[in-house]
Structures are given as C-alpha cells and as structure tokens.
C-alpha cells in the first residue's frame, strides 16, 4: 500500500507564516516525487459537519495515511480552528491508526513547543501515532525572505531531516 500524505496548514489567518512553511514542506515532498494533498484552514467556515466538510473527509482526510501538521502558537497552544477540524470529523475513520508529523511556528523563541505537546495529546487521544521528531521553528518571521522562502540553513536542514525520517516512519 502506498502512503497518502496530507499537509495541514493549521491557521485561518490570511497570509500567514504557517502557510508559507507548509508550502515549503509541500515543495520538499514534491521534490521527492510525492504529491501531497494540501489543506489550508485559511477562511475555514466549518463549525458543524456540513456536506462540504463530509466531502473533504471522504476525498482527502479518510484516504490519508500520513498527516503533516504545521501549527502556529496561539495563546500557548494551537489555533481553535485546527481543534475544530478534529472535533467535527468522524474520528474513527479519519484519524485512528494514522501517522502524523508536527511542526510548530512562532515569532517568539519557543517555536510553539507547548502547542506541539497539546497537539500531540489530542492526536494520541484520537489514536494517531506521532513521529517523535517534532520541530519547533522559533522567530519564523526572521527566517524568511520577503517572498516567504526560508533562508536559515539550520532550519532548512532540520526540515529535510524531519521529512526524511517521516518518510521511513
């Protein structure tokens, strides 16, 4: 069985650094001949299980075997919109037995460490196996050019290593 990857940009904030980092992950996977699904929560409008969300579940979430979550720090945790996605999903079909890779982003120095641990706890509750190499990206706004490209070589190496490990996970 071949793996199906989905990247989730975990904020509804327009023009976010989170989505820029998530797009970087997408490009790395594409360079490895993997075409992941990409879910941006920007403009997310689902607060209940709508027909559109049910279609998203059926077409993308349920078939996915490996998720990559890029989550910003919101008040020491994850954005409510990301938690909402878990809350309205058919958790047994969407999450149970799947695998996840986590990356946190923050303009502060913690890289959303607390949020990554909170997200890990939520995913464990949903019976998702979380890869142990969780990457907190601190000072994310200082690591990007105006175009949104990451220029920090240490961060680029850490992302490459994290993805390589996850492909073998």
N, C-alpha and C. Protein backbone atom coordinates (compact mmCIF):
# COMPACT_ATOMS: atom_id res chain seq x y z
N UNK A 1 0.84 -1.18 0.00
CA UNK A 1 0.00 0.00 0.00
C UNK A 1 0.88 1.24 0.00
N UNK A 2 0.63 2.14 -0.92
CA UNK A 2 1.42 3.37 -0.93
C UNK A 2 0.81 4.38 0.04
N UNK A 3 1.68 5.20 0.57
CA UNK A 3 1.26 6.19 1.55
C UNK A 3 0.58 7.38 0.84
N UNK A 4 -0.41 7.94 1.49
CA UNK A 4 -1.06 9.16 1.01
C UNK A 4 -0.82 10.23 2.06
N UNK A 5 -0.18 11.32 1.64
CA UNK A 5 0.21 12.39 2.54
C UNK A 5 -0.73 13.59 2.41
N UNK A 6 -1.01 14.21 3.53
CA UNK A 6 -1.77 15.46 3.55
C UNK A 6 -1.07 16.43 4.49
N UNK A 7 -0.82 17.63 4.00
CA UNK A 7 -0.25 18.71 4.81
C UNK A 7 -1.41 19.60 5.25
N UNK A 8 -1.44 19.91 6.54
CA UNK A 8 -2.47 20.80 7.07
C UNK A 8 -1.80 22.07 7.58
N UNK A 9 -2.14 23.19 6.96
CA UNK A 9 -1.69 24.50 7.43
C UNK A 9 -2.72 24.95 8.46
N UNK A 10 -2.35 24.86 9.74
CA UNK A 10 -3.30 24.91 10.84
C UNK A 10 -3.72 26.26 11.36
N UNK A 11 -3.95 27.24 10.51
CA UNK A 11 -4.48 28.52 10.96
C UNK A 11 -5.43 29.09 9.91
N UNK A 12 -6.37 29.89 10.38
CA UNK A 12 -7.27 30.55 9.44
C UNK A 12 -6.83 31.99 9.16
N UNK A 13 -5.69 32.37 9.67
CA UNK A 13 -5.16 33.73 9.48
C UNK A 13 -4.69 33.91 8.03
N UNK A 14 -5.19 34.93 7.32
CA UNK A 14 -4.76 35.17 5.93
C UNK A 14 -3.28 35.55 5.84
N UNK A 15 -2.60 35.04 4.83
CA UNK A 15 -1.21 35.40 4.56
C UNK A 15 -0.24 34.99 5.65
N UNK A 16 -0.51 33.90 6.32
CA UNK A 16 0.27 33.50 7.50
C UNK A 16 1.63 32.91 7.16
N UNK A 17 2.56 33.03 8.11
CA UNK A 17 3.84 32.34 8.02
C UNK A 17 3.63 30.83 8.06
N UNK A 18 2.59 30.40 8.75
CA UNK A 18 2.28 28.98 8.85
C UNK A 18 2.09 28.38 7.46
N UNK A 19 1.29 29.05 6.65
CA UNK A 19 1.07 28.52 5.30
C UNK A 19 2.34 28.57 4.46
N UNK A 20 3.18 29.58 4.65
CA UNK A 20 4.44 29.65 3.91
C UNK A 20 5.34 28.47 4.28
N UNK A 21 5.40 28.13 5.55
CA UNK A 21 6.19 26.97 5.99
C UNK A 21 5.57 25.69 5.45
N UNK A 22 4.26 25.60 5.50
CA UNK A 22 3.57 24.40 4.99
C UNK A 22 3.84 24.22 3.49
N UNK A 23 3.87 25.32 2.76
CA UNK A 23 4.17 25.23 1.31
C UNK A 23 5.60 24.76 1.09
N UNK A 24 6.51 25.12 1.99
CA UNK A 24 7.89 24.64 1.89
C UNK A 24 7.91 23.10 2.04
N UNK A 25 7.16 22.59 2.99
CA UNK A 25 7.06 21.14 3.16
C UNK A 25 6.49 20.50 1.90
N UNK A 26 5.50 21.13 1.32
CA UNK A 26 4.90 20.62 0.09
C UNK A 26 5.94 20.53 -1.02
N UNK A 27 6.77 21.56 -1.16
CA UNK A 27 7.79 21.56 -2.21
C UNK A 27 8.84 20.46 -1.98
N UNK A 28 9.21 20.25 -0.74
CA UNK A 28 10.18 19.19 -0.45
C UNK A 28 9.60 17.83 -0.82
N UNK A 29 8.34 17.59 -0.45
CA UNK A 29 7.73 16.30 -0.80
C UNK A 29 7.64 16.15 -2.32
N UNK A 30 7.28 17.21 -3.01
CA UNK A 30 7.21 17.14 -4.48
C UNK A 30 8.57 16.83 -5.07
N UNK A 31 9.64 17.37 -4.47
CA UNK A 31 10.99 17.09 -4.97
C UNK A 31 11.37 15.62 -4.77
N UNK A 32 10.63 14.94 -3.90
CA UNK A 32 10.86 13.51 -3.64
C UNK A 32 9.81 12.66 -4.36
N UNK A 33 9.16 13.25 -5.37
CA UNK A 33 8.14 12.58 -6.18
C UNK A 33 6.92 12.14 -5.37
N UNK A 34 6.58 12.93 -4.37
CA UNK A 34 5.37 12.70 -3.58
C UNK A 34 4.50 13.94 -3.76
N UNK A 35 3.27 13.75 -4.18
CA UNK A 35 2.35 14.87 -4.33
C UNK A 35 1.34 14.82 -3.20
N UNK A 36 1.56 15.62 -2.16
CA UNK A 36 0.66 15.58 -1.02
C UNK A 36 -0.61 16.41 -1.28
N UNK A 37 -1.67 16.03 -0.59
CA UNK A 37 -2.83 16.91 -0.52
C UNK A 37 -2.42 18.09 0.35
N UNK A 38 -3.07 19.22 0.17
CA UNK A 38 -2.76 20.40 0.96
C UNK A 38 -4.06 21.00 1.45
N UNK A 39 -4.19 21.11 2.76
CA UNK A 39 -5.38 21.72 3.35
C UNK A 39 -4.94 22.98 4.07
N UNK A 40 -5.46 24.10 3.63
CA UNK A 40 -5.25 25.36 4.33
C UNK A 40 -6.53 25.67 5.08
N UNK A 41 -6.39 26.02 6.34
CA UNK A 41 -7.56 26.38 7.13
C UNK A 41 -7.88 27.87 7.00
N UNK A 42 -7.14 28.57 6.14
CA UNK A 42 -7.43 29.99 5.89
C UNK A 42 -8.85 30.10 5.34
N UNK A 43 -9.64 30.96 5.96
CA UNK A 43 -11.02 31.13 5.51
C UNK A 43 -11.94 29.98 5.88
N UNK A 44 -11.49 29.10 6.76
CA UNK A 44 -12.28 27.93 7.18
C UNK A 44 -13.64 28.38 7.66
N UNK A 45 -14.67 27.74 7.18
CA UNK A 45 -16.02 28.16 7.52
C UNK A 45 -16.84 27.07 8.20
N UNK A 46 -16.22 25.96 8.46
CA UNK A 46 -16.97 24.84 9.03
C UNK A 46 -16.96 24.90 10.56
N UNK A 47 -18.14 25.02 11.14
CA UNK A 47 -18.25 24.87 12.59
C UNK A 47 -19.09 23.65 12.93
N UNK A 48 -19.76 23.16 11.93
CA UNK A 48 -20.54 21.94 12.04
C UNK A 48 -20.17 21.05 10.85
N UNK A 49 -20.62 19.82 10.92
CA UNK A 49 -20.34 18.89 9.83
C UNK A 49 -21.29 19.19 8.66
N UNK A 50 -20.77 19.93 7.70
CA UNK A 50 -21.54 20.31 6.52
C UNK A 50 -21.32 19.28 5.41
N UNK A 51 -22.14 19.32 4.36
CA UNK A 51 -21.88 18.44 3.22
C UNK A 51 -20.48 18.67 2.61
N UNK A 52 -20.02 19.93 2.63
CA UNK A 52 -18.69 20.22 2.08
C UNK A 52 -17.59 19.58 2.92
N UNK A 53 -17.75 19.64 4.25
CA UNK A 53 -16.76 19.01 5.12
C UNK A 53 -16.80 17.49 4.96
N UNK A 54 -17.99 16.93 4.85
CA UNK A 54 -18.12 15.48 4.64
C UNK A 54 -17.42 15.07 3.35
N UNK A 55 -17.51 15.90 2.33
CA UNK A 55 -16.81 15.62 1.07
C UNK A 55 -15.30 15.69 1.27
N UNK A 56 -14.82 16.68 2.02
CA UNK A 56 -13.38 16.79 2.34
C UNK A 56 -12.91 15.53 3.08
N UNK A 57 -13.71 15.09 4.03
CA UNK A 57 -13.36 13.85 4.75
C UNK A 57 -13.24 12.67 3.78
N UNK A 58 -14.25 12.51 2.96
CA UNK A 58 -14.31 11.36 2.05
C UNK A 58 -13.17 11.38 1.03
N UNK A 59 -12.90 12.55 0.46
CA UNK A 59 -11.93 12.64 -0.63
C UNK A 59 -10.48 12.77 -0.16
N UNK A 60 -10.26 13.41 0.99
CA UNK A 60 -8.87 13.67 1.41
C UNK A 60 -8.55 13.07 2.78
N UNK A 61 -9.31 13.42 3.79
CA UNK A 61 -8.93 13.03 5.16
C UNK A 61 -8.95 11.52 5.39
N UNK A 62 -10.00 10.85 5.00
CA UNK A 62 -10.10 9.40 5.25
C UNK A 62 -9.03 8.62 4.48
N UNK A 63 -8.78 8.91 3.19
CA UNK A 63 -7.74 8.16 2.48
C UNK A 63 -6.31 8.44 2.94
N UNK A 64 -6.08 9.57 3.59
CA UNK A 64 -4.73 9.94 4.02
C UNK A 64 -4.20 8.93 5.03
N UNK A 65 -2.94 8.55 4.87
CA UNK A 65 -2.30 7.66 5.84
C UNK A 65 -1.29 8.41 6.71
N UNK A 66 -0.76 9.53 6.20
CA UNK A 66 0.23 10.30 6.95
C UNK A 66 -0.09 11.80 6.83
N UNK A 67 -0.24 12.42 7.98
CA UNK A 67 -0.53 13.85 8.05
C UNK A 67 0.70 14.62 8.49
N UNK A 68 0.87 15.80 7.93
CA UNK A 68 1.89 16.74 8.38
C UNK A 68 1.15 18.00 8.83
N UNK A 69 1.25 18.30 10.11
CA UNK A 69 0.58 19.47 10.68
C UNK A 69 1.60 20.56 10.93
N UNK A 70 1.34 21.74 10.37
CA UNK A 70 2.13 22.92 10.64
C UNK A 70 1.22 23.83 11.46
N UNK A 71 1.59 24.08 12.71
CA UNK A 71 0.69 24.81 13.59
C UNK A 71 1.39 25.99 14.25
N UNK A 72 0.76 27.17 14.17
CA UNK A 72 1.32 28.31 14.88
C UNK A 72 0.95 28.26 16.35
N UNK A 73 1.61 29.10 17.11
CA UNK A 73 1.31 29.23 18.53
C UNK A 73 0.20 30.24 18.71
N UNK A 74 -0.88 29.81 19.32
CA UNK A 74 -1.98 30.69 19.69
C UNK A 74 -2.19 30.55 21.19
N UNK A 75 -1.83 31.56 21.94
CA UNK A 75 -2.05 31.56 23.39
C UNK A 75 -1.49 30.32 24.07
N UNK A 76 -0.29 29.93 23.69
CA UNK A 76 0.37 28.78 24.30
C UNK A 76 -0.16 27.45 23.83
N UNK A 77 -0.91 27.42 22.74
CA UNK A 77 -1.48 26.17 22.27
C UNK A 77 -1.59 26.20 20.75
N UNK A 78 -2.65 25.59 20.23
CA UNK A 78 -2.90 25.54 18.79
C UNK A 78 -4.13 26.40 18.48
N UNK A 79 -4.30 26.79 17.24
CA UNK A 79 -5.49 27.56 16.88
C UNK A 79 -6.78 26.76 17.08
N UNK A 80 -7.80 27.45 17.51
CA UNK A 80 -9.10 26.80 17.71
C UNK A 80 -9.64 26.17 16.44
N UNK A 81 -9.34 26.77 15.29
CA UNK A 81 -9.84 26.24 14.03
C UNK A 81 -9.25 24.85 13.74
N UNK A 82 -8.01 24.62 14.16
CA UNK A 82 -7.41 23.29 13.99
C UNK A 82 -8.10 22.29 14.90
N UNK A 83 -8.32 22.68 16.14
CA UNK A 83 -9.04 21.80 17.08
C UNK A 83 -10.45 21.52 16.57
N UNK A 84 -11.09 22.52 16.00
CA UNK A 84 -12.44 22.36 15.46
C UNK A 84 -12.47 21.29 14.36
N UNK A 85 -11.42 21.26 13.53
CA UNK A 85 -11.37 20.24 12.47
C UNK A 85 -11.41 18.84 13.06
N UNK A 86 -10.67 18.64 14.15
CA UNK A 86 -10.71 17.33 14.82
C UNK A 86 -12.09 17.07 15.41
N UNK A 87 -12.67 18.09 16.02
CA UNK A 87 -13.93 17.93 16.74
C UNK A 87 -15.09 17.54 15.84
N UNK A 88 -15.14 18.06 14.61
CA UNK A 88 -16.30 17.77 13.75
C UNK A 88 -16.06 16.57 12.83
N UNK A 89 -14.87 16.00 12.88
CA UNK A 89 -14.57 14.88 11.98
C UNK A 89 -15.09 13.56 12.53
N UNK A 90 -15.23 12.60 11.64
CA UNK A 90 -15.56 11.22 12.02
C UNK A 90 -14.24 10.60 12.47
N UNK A 91 -13.92 10.78 13.74
CA UNK A 91 -12.58 10.49 14.23
C UNK A 91 -12.12 9.07 14.01
N UNK A 92 -13.00 8.09 14.08
CA UNK A 92 -12.56 6.71 13.87
C UNK A 92 -12.14 6.48 12.42
N UNK A 93 -12.83 7.08 11.49
CA UNK A 93 -12.48 6.91 10.08
C UNK A 93 -11.31 7.79 9.66
N UNK A 94 -11.25 8.99 10.19
CA UNK A 94 -10.25 9.96 9.74
C UNK A 94 -8.91 9.75 10.43
N UNK A 95 -8.89 9.49 11.73
CA UNK A 95 -7.65 9.58 12.50
C UNK A 95 -7.09 8.26 13.01
N UNK A 96 -7.92 7.34 13.42
CA UNK A 96 -7.43 6.13 14.09
C UNK A 96 -6.42 5.37 13.23
N UNK A 97 -5.27 5.08 13.83
CA UNK A 97 -4.25 4.27 13.17
C UNK A 97 -3.40 5.00 12.16
N UNK A 98 -3.60 6.31 12.01
CA UNK A 98 -2.81 7.09 11.05
C UNK A 98 -1.53 7.57 11.73
N UNK A 99 -0.67 8.23 10.96
CA UNK A 99 0.60 8.77 11.47
C UNK A 99 0.64 10.28 11.22
N UNK A 100 1.40 10.97 12.07
CA UNK A 100 1.48 12.43 11.93
C UNK A 100 2.88 12.93 12.24
N UNK A 101 3.23 14.01 11.55
CA UNK A 101 4.46 14.76 11.77
C UNK A 101 4.04 16.17 12.18
N UNK A 102 4.70 16.73 13.20
CA UNK A 102 4.29 18.03 13.72
C UNK A 102 5.41 19.05 13.64
N UNK A 103 5.06 20.23 13.19
CA UNK A 103 5.96 21.37 13.19
C UNK A 103 5.21 22.56 13.76
N UNK A 104 5.86 23.25 14.69
CA UNK A 104 5.29 24.45 15.27
C UNK A 104 6.02 25.67 14.75
N UNK A 105 5.28 26.76 14.60
CA UNK A 105 5.90 28.01 14.19
C UNK A 105 5.46 29.12 15.14
N UNK A 106 6.39 30.01 15.41
CA UNK A 106 6.08 31.15 16.28
C UNK A 106 7.06 32.28 16.01
N UNK A 107 6.60 33.49 16.22
CA UNK A 107 7.50 34.63 16.10
C UNK A 107 8.33 34.78 17.38
N UNK A 108 7.92 34.12 18.44
CA UNK A 108 8.68 34.10 19.68
C UNK A 108 9.75 33.04 19.65
N UNK A 109 10.38 32.84 20.80
CA UNK A 109 11.53 31.93 20.84
C UNK A 109 11.18 30.48 21.12
N UNK A 110 9.93 30.18 21.45
CA UNK A 110 9.56 28.81 21.81
C UNK A 110 9.17 27.92 20.65
N UNK A 111 8.87 28.49 19.49
CA UNK A 111 8.51 27.67 18.34
C UNK A 111 7.24 26.85 18.53
N UNK A 112 6.38 27.30 19.44
CA UNK A 112 5.12 26.62 19.76
C UNK A 112 5.34 25.25 20.42
N UNK A 113 6.34 25.16 21.26
CA UNK A 113 6.59 23.90 21.98
C UNK A 113 5.37 23.43 22.77
N UNK A 114 4.73 24.33 23.50
CA UNK A 114 3.55 23.94 24.27
C UNK A 114 2.43 23.47 23.35
N UNK A 115 2.24 24.20 22.26
CA UNK A 115 1.21 23.81 21.31
C UNK A 115 1.47 22.45 20.68
N UNK A 116 2.74 22.16 20.40
CA UNK A 116 3.07 20.84 19.84
C UNK A 116 2.75 19.73 20.83
N UNK A 117 3.00 19.98 22.10
CA UNK A 117 2.66 18.97 23.11
C UNK A 117 1.15 18.82 23.25
N UNK A 118 0.43 19.93 23.20
CA UNK A 118 -1.03 19.87 23.25
C UNK A 118 -1.58 19.11 22.04
N UNK A 119 -1.05 19.44 20.87
CA UNK A 119 -1.48 18.75 19.64
C UNK A 119 -1.15 17.27 19.72
N UNK A 120 0.01 16.93 20.25
CA UNK A 120 0.38 15.52 20.43
C UNK A 120 -0.64 14.81 21.31
N UNK A 121 -1.04 15.44 22.40
CA UNK A 121 -2.02 14.84 23.30
C UNK A 121 -3.36 14.62 22.60
N UNK A 122 -3.79 15.59 21.83
CA UNK A 122 -5.05 15.45 21.08
C UNK A 122 -4.94 14.28 20.10
N UNK A 123 -3.84 14.25 19.35
CA UNK A 123 -3.67 13.18 18.35
C UNK A 123 -3.56 11.81 19.00
N UNK A 124 -2.87 11.72 20.14
CA UNK A 124 -2.82 10.44 20.85
C UNK A 124 -4.21 10.00 21.28
N UNK A 125 -5.01 10.94 21.75
CA UNK A 125 -6.38 10.62 22.12
C UNK A 125 -7.15 10.07 20.92
N UNK A 126 -6.86 10.61 19.74
CA UNK A 126 -7.51 10.16 18.50
C UNK A 126 -6.82 8.93 17.90
N UNK A 127 -5.87 8.38 18.65
CA UNK A 127 -5.13 7.17 18.27
C UNK A 127 -4.28 7.35 17.02
N UNK A 128 -3.69 8.52 16.91
CA UNK A 128 -2.73 8.81 15.85
C UNK A 128 -1.34 8.61 16.43
N UNK A 129 -0.46 7.98 15.67
CA UNK A 129 0.92 7.78 16.08
C UNK A 129 1.71 9.01 15.63
N UNK A 130 2.29 9.71 16.58
CA UNK A 130 3.01 10.96 16.28
C UNK A 130 4.51 10.67 16.21
N UNK A 131 5.12 11.13 15.11
CA UNK A 131 6.57 10.97 14.94
C UNK A 131 7.27 11.75 16.05
N UNK A 132 8.31 11.18 16.65
CA UNK A 132 8.95 11.85 17.79
C UNK A 132 9.75 13.11 17.44
N UNK A 133 10.14 13.29 16.19
CA UNK A 133 10.91 14.47 15.82
C UNK A 133 9.95 15.62 15.50
N UNK A 134 9.51 16.31 16.55
CA UNK A 134 8.63 17.46 16.39
C UNK A 134 9.51 18.70 16.31
N UNK A 135 9.31 19.50 15.28
CA UNK A 135 10.20 20.62 15.02
C UNK A 135 9.56 21.95 15.42
N UNK A 136 10.09 22.62 16.46
CA UNK A 136 9.63 23.96 16.78
C UNK A 136 10.46 24.99 16.01
N UNK A 137 9.82 25.79 15.20
CA UNK A 137 10.53 26.82 14.45
C UNK A 137 10.26 28.16 15.14
N UNK A 138 11.29 28.67 15.79
CA UNK A 138 11.21 29.94 16.50
C UNK A 138 11.58 31.10 15.59
N UNK A 139 11.13 32.29 15.95
CA UNK A 139 11.46 33.50 15.20
C UNK A 139 11.23 33.32 13.70
N UNK A 140 10.12 32.69 13.37
CA UNK A 140 9.84 32.31 11.98
C UNK A 140 9.85 33.52 11.05
N UNK A 141 9.41 34.66 11.53
CA UNK A 141 9.37 35.84 10.68
C UNK A 141 10.77 36.32 10.30
N UNK A 142 11.77 36.00 11.11
CA UNK A 142 13.14 36.41 10.84
C UNK A 142 13.87 35.40 9.94
N UNK A 143 13.30 34.22 9.75
CA UNK A 143 13.95 33.17 8.97
C UNK A 143 13.50 33.14 7.52
N UNK A 144 12.69 34.12 7.14
CA UNK A 144 12.15 34.12 5.78
C UNK A 144 12.53 35.39 5.06
N UNK A 145 12.72 35.24 3.74
CA UNK A 145 12.85 36.41 2.88
C UNK A 145 11.46 37.01 2.70
N UNK A 146 11.37 38.15 2.10
CA UNK A 146 10.08 38.78 1.83
C UNK A 146 9.14 37.90 1.04
N UNK A 147 9.70 37.01 0.22
CA UNK A 147 8.89 36.11 -0.60
C UNK A 147 8.30 34.97 0.22
N UNK A 148 8.75 34.81 1.46
CA UNK A 148 8.27 33.71 2.28
C UNK A 148 9.17 32.50 2.25
N UNK A 149 10.26 32.56 1.49
CA UNK A 149 11.20 31.44 1.45
C UNK A 149 12.07 31.44 2.70
N UNK A 150 12.27 30.27 3.25
CA UNK A 150 13.10 30.12 4.44
C UNK A 150 14.57 30.23 4.00
N UNK A 151 15.34 31.05 4.69
CA UNK A 151 16.75 31.23 4.33
C UNK A 151 17.70 30.71 5.40
N UNK A 152 17.20 30.34 6.55
CA UNK A 152 18.06 29.86 7.63
C UNK A 152 18.50 28.43 7.34
N UNK A 153 19.81 28.22 7.14
CA UNK A 153 20.31 26.90 6.72
C UNK A 153 20.07 25.83 7.78
N UNK A 154 20.19 26.18 9.05
CA UNK A 154 19.94 25.19 10.11
C UNK A 154 18.51 24.71 10.10
N UNK A 155 17.58 25.63 9.90
CA UNK A 155 16.16 25.26 9.83
C UNK A 155 15.88 24.43 8.60
N UNK A 156 16.47 24.80 7.48
CA UNK A 156 16.27 24.02 6.25
C UNK A 156 16.78 22.59 6.43
N UNK A 157 17.95 22.42 7.05
CA UNK A 157 18.49 21.08 7.30
C UNK A 157 17.59 20.30 8.25
N UNK A 158 17.08 20.96 9.28
CA UNK A 158 16.21 20.29 10.25
C UNK A 158 14.92 19.81 9.59
N UNK A 159 14.36 20.63 8.71
CA UNK A 159 13.14 20.24 7.99
C UNK A 159 13.42 19.04 7.08
N UNK A 160 14.52 19.10 6.34
CA UNK A 160 14.88 17.99 5.45
C UNK A 160 15.05 16.69 6.24
N UNK A 161 15.73 16.75 7.37
CA UNK A 161 15.94 15.55 8.18
C UNK A 161 14.60 15.04 8.73
N UNK A 162 13.78 15.96 9.20
CA UNK A 162 12.48 15.57 9.76
C UNK A 162 11.63 14.86 8.69
N UNK A 163 11.58 15.42 7.50
CA UNK A 163 10.79 14.80 6.43
C UNK A 163 11.38 13.44 6.03
N UNK A 164 12.69 13.35 5.91
CA UNK A 164 13.32 12.07 5.55
C UNK A 164 12.97 10.99 6.57
N UNK A 165 13.03 11.35 7.84
CA UNK A 165 12.67 10.39 8.89
C UNK A 165 11.20 9.98 8.78
N UNK A 166 10.33 10.96 8.50
CA UNK A 166 8.90 10.68 8.44
C UNK A 166 8.55 9.78 7.26
N UNK A 167 9.27 9.92 6.17
CA UNK A 167 9.03 9.06 5.02
C UNK A 167 9.31 7.60 5.34
N UNK A 168 10.23 7.36 6.28
CA UNK A 168 10.57 5.99 6.69
C UNK A 168 9.72 5.50 7.86
N UNK A 169 8.95 6.38 8.45
CA UNK A 169 8.17 6.10 9.68
C UNK A 169 6.96 5.24 9.37
